[in-house]
N, C-alpha and C. Protein backbone atom coordinates (compact mmCIF):
# COMPACT_ATOMS: atom_id res chain seq x y z
N MET A 1 -22.29 -16.94 -26.23
CA MET A 1 -21.32 -17.78 -25.40
C MET A 1 -19.84 -17.13 -24.87
N ARG A 2 -19.71 -17.29 -23.60
CA ARG A 2 -18.24 -16.57 -23.34
C ARG A 2 -17.54 -17.69 -22.95
N ASP A 3 -16.06 -17.61 -23.15
CA ASP A 3 -15.24 -18.74 -22.74
C ASP A 3 -14.72 -18.14 -21.29
N SER A 4 -14.49 -19.06 -20.31
CA SER A 4 -14.14 -18.59 -19.22
C SER A 4 -12.67 -18.28 -19.24
N PRO A 5 -12.47 -17.23 -18.47
CA PRO A 5 -10.90 -16.74 -18.10
C PRO A 5 -10.18 -17.87 -18.02
N VAL A 6 -10.25 -18.74 -17.40
CA VAL A 6 -9.17 -20.07 -17.20
C VAL A 6 -8.87 -20.47 -18.51
N THR A 7 -9.93 -20.76 -19.43
CA THR A 7 -9.59 -21.17 -20.70
C THR A 7 -8.77 -20.22 -21.64
N LEU A 8 -9.14 -18.92 -21.54
CA LEU A 8 -8.41 -18.16 -22.25
C LEU A 8 -7.12 -17.87 -22.03
N ALA A 9 -6.79 -17.89 -20.64
CA ALA A 9 -5.45 -18.04 -20.20
C ALA A 9 -4.56 -19.05 -20.48
N ALA A 10 -5.16 -20.16 -20.20
CA ALA A 10 -4.63 -21.52 -20.72
C ALA A 10 -4.28 -21.62 -22.08
N LEU A 11 -4.86 -20.90 -23.13
CA LEU A 11 -4.91 -21.01 -24.44
C LEU A 11 -3.69 -19.84 -24.86
N LEU A 12 -3.53 -18.73 -23.97
CA LEU A 12 -2.55 -17.80 -24.19
C LEU A 12 -1.36 -18.47 -23.90
N TYR A 13 -1.20 -18.98 -22.52
CA TYR A 13 -0.34 -19.83 -21.76
C TYR A 13 0.54 -20.76 -23.06
N ALA A 14 -0.25 -21.52 -23.79
CA ALA A 14 -0.10 -22.48 -24.94
C ALA A 14 0.38 -22.08 -25.84
N ALA A 15 0.07 -20.95 -26.31
CA ALA A 15 0.32 -19.72 -27.41
C ALA A 15 1.79 -19.31 -27.24
N THR A 16 1.99 -18.82 -25.85
CA THR A 16 2.98 -18.18 -25.53
C THR A 16 4.29 -19.51 -25.54
N VAL A 17 4.23 -20.61 -25.07
CA VAL A 17 5.25 -21.69 -25.18
C VAL A 17 5.43 -22.24 -26.40
N SER A 18 4.44 -22.05 -27.12
CA SER A 18 4.65 -22.55 -28.58
C SER A 18 5.56 -21.57 -29.49
N ALA A 19 5.06 -20.20 -29.14
CA ALA A 19 6.00 -19.20 -29.87
C ALA A 19 7.36 -19.12 -29.32
N ALA A 20 7.74 -19.20 -27.97
CA ALA A 20 9.14 -19.34 -27.74
C ALA A 20 9.86 -20.82 -28.32
N ALA A 21 9.30 -21.70 -28.45
CA ALA A 21 9.66 -22.99 -28.67
C ALA A 21 10.10 -22.73 -30.45
N PHE A 22 9.23 -22.57 -31.14
CA PHE A 22 9.26 -21.96 -32.42
C PHE A 22 10.37 -21.16 -32.60
N THR A 23 10.70 -20.27 -32.00
CA THR A 23 11.71 -19.12 -31.88
C THR A 23 13.14 -19.49 -31.65
N ALA A 24 12.91 -20.62 -30.81
CA ALA A 24 14.41 -21.19 -30.19
C ALA A 24 14.97 -22.04 -31.30
N LEU A 25 13.61 -22.45 -32.02
CA LEU A 25 14.40 -23.29 -33.34
C LEU A 25 14.88 -22.69 -34.47
N ILE A 26 14.31 -21.58 -34.74
CA ILE A 26 14.50 -20.88 -36.32
C ILE A 26 15.04 -19.23 -35.82
N ALA A 27 15.55 -18.82 -34.91
CA ALA A 27 16.04 -17.67 -34.73
C ALA A 27 16.97 -17.38 -35.48
N PRO A 28 17.47 -16.14 -36.05
CA PRO A 28 18.60 -16.02 -37.15
C PRO A 28 19.98 -16.10 -36.32
N THR A 29 20.05 -15.54 -34.95
CA THR A 29 21.02 -15.12 -34.20
C THR A 29 21.03 -16.34 -33.33
N ALA A 30 22.31 -16.73 -32.59
CA ALA A 30 22.42 -17.62 -31.56
C ALA A 30 22.09 -16.77 -29.96
N GLY A 31 22.23 -15.49 -30.20
CA GLY A 31 21.62 -14.99 -28.97
C GLY A 31 20.17 -14.86 -28.78
N ARG A 32 19.50 -14.60 -29.62
CA ARG A 32 18.08 -14.72 -29.91
C ARG A 32 17.50 -16.04 -29.76
N ARG A 33 18.08 -17.20 -30.22
CA ARG A 33 17.76 -18.51 -29.80
C ARG A 33 18.00 -18.97 -28.69
N ARG A 34 19.07 -18.41 -27.92
CA ARG A 34 19.43 -18.44 -26.23
C ARG A 34 18.23 -17.80 -25.34
N ALA A 35 17.90 -16.40 -25.75
CA ALA A 35 16.94 -15.88 -25.02
C ALA A 35 15.47 -16.46 -25.21
N ALA A 36 15.20 -17.10 -26.22
CA ALA A 36 14.23 -17.88 -26.66
C ALA A 36 13.93 -19.12 -25.56
N ARG A 37 15.15 -19.67 -25.63
CA ARG A 37 15.31 -20.78 -24.63
C ARG A 37 15.05 -20.59 -23.36
N ASP A 38 15.76 -19.32 -22.84
CA ASP A 38 15.71 -19.05 -21.76
C ASP A 38 14.25 -18.83 -21.16
N VAL A 39 13.48 -18.32 -22.15
CA VAL A 39 11.89 -17.75 -21.81
C VAL A 39 11.20 -19.17 -21.70
N LEU A 40 11.56 -19.93 -22.69
CA LEU A 40 10.74 -21.56 -22.50
C LEU A 40 11.06 -22.08 -21.32
N THR A 41 12.18 -22.29 -20.87
CA THR A 41 12.80 -22.95 -19.83
C THR A 41 12.05 -22.13 -18.27
N ILE A 42 11.97 -20.84 -18.40
CA ILE A 42 11.01 -20.18 -17.38
C ILE A 42 9.49 -20.55 -17.41
N LEU A 43 9.08 -20.58 -18.61
CA LEU A 43 7.49 -21.22 -18.51
C LEU A 43 7.51 -22.36 -18.29
N VAL A 44 8.46 -23.26 -18.47
CA VAL A 44 8.13 -24.89 -18.32
C VAL A 44 8.29 -25.10 -16.96
N ARG A 45 9.55 -24.32 -16.36
CA ARG A 45 10.10 -24.54 -15.08
C ARG A 45 8.46 -24.13 -13.92
N ARG A 46 8.18 -23.05 -14.40
CA ARG A 46 7.05 -22.62 -13.45
C ARG A 46 5.94 -23.64 -13.40
N THR A 47 5.22 -24.13 -14.41
CA THR A 47 4.53 -25.19 -14.77
C THR A 47 4.94 -26.23 -13.62
N GLU A 48 6.24 -26.95 -13.69
CA GLU A 48 6.52 -27.95 -13.28
C GLU A 48 6.78 -27.58 -11.53
N THR A 49 7.16 -26.47 -11.15
CA THR A 49 7.09 -26.30 -9.93
C THR A 49 5.91 -25.77 -9.02
N THR A 50 4.80 -25.72 -10.10
CA THR A 50 3.89 -25.24 -9.12
C THR A 50 2.67 -26.16 -9.61
N GLY A 51 2.81 -27.09 -10.26
CA GLY A 51 1.81 -28.18 -10.69
C GLY A 51 0.59 -27.74 -11.13
N ARG A 52 0.53 -26.47 -12.03
CA ARG A 52 -0.55 -25.98 -12.55
C ARG A 52 -0.06 -24.98 -13.63
N GLU A 53 -1.00 -24.86 -14.71
CA GLU A 53 -0.56 -23.80 -15.59
C GLU A 53 -0.90 -22.66 -14.75
N PRO A 54 -0.31 -21.27 -15.09
CA PRO A 54 -0.42 -20.26 -14.46
C PRO A 54 -2.12 -19.72 -15.10
N ASN A 55 -3.01 -19.64 -14.00
CA ASN A 55 -4.44 -19.21 -14.08
C ASN A 55 -5.08 -20.40 -14.63
N GLY A 56 -4.52 -21.59 -14.45
CA GLY A 56 -5.24 -22.72 -15.39
C GLY A 56 -5.58 -23.93 -14.43
N PRO A 57 -5.99 -24.89 -14.79
CA PRO A 57 -6.36 -25.96 -13.82
C PRO A 57 -5.34 -26.95 -13.14
N GLU A 58 -5.68 -27.32 -12.23
CA GLU A 58 -4.41 -28.29 -11.70
C GLU A 58 -4.18 -29.37 -12.72
N LEU A 59 -2.70 -29.58 -12.75
CA LEU A 59 -2.15 -30.58 -13.97
C LEU A 59 -2.19 -31.77 -13.02
N PRO A 60 -2.56 -32.99 -13.56
CA PRO A 60 -2.44 -34.26 -12.98
C PRO A 60 -1.08 -34.71 -12.67
N PRO A 61 -1.14 -35.37 -11.62
CA PRO A 61 0.27 -35.99 -10.78
C PRO A 61 1.13 -36.80 -11.76
N GLU A 62 2.28 -36.74 -12.10
CA GLU A 62 3.06 -37.39 -13.04
C GLU A 62 3.18 -39.12 -12.12
N THR A 63 3.03 -39.75 -13.12
CA THR A 63 3.18 -41.44 -12.89
C THR A 63 4.33 -41.64 -13.21
N GLY A 64 5.43 -42.44 -12.74
CA GLY A 64 6.71 -42.95 -13.22
C GLY A 64 6.72 -44.12 -13.27
N PRO A 65 7.57 -45.01 -14.16
CA PRO A 65 7.65 -46.63 -14.31
C PRO A 65 7.77 -47.03 -13.28
């Protein structure tokens, strides 16, 4: 059974975000932590502005209080 490309892309995206977040927390130098936070910001901002994960399913609309 094959996984669909959308599922694989979503898993890769989640792994990339997780790695950037982990690196932002434990990187040995301030420069590397800042770079990891920059990457994380770009990835999260892309999801927020497009309303979907790259090559992934449409995200549900946010509901506020």
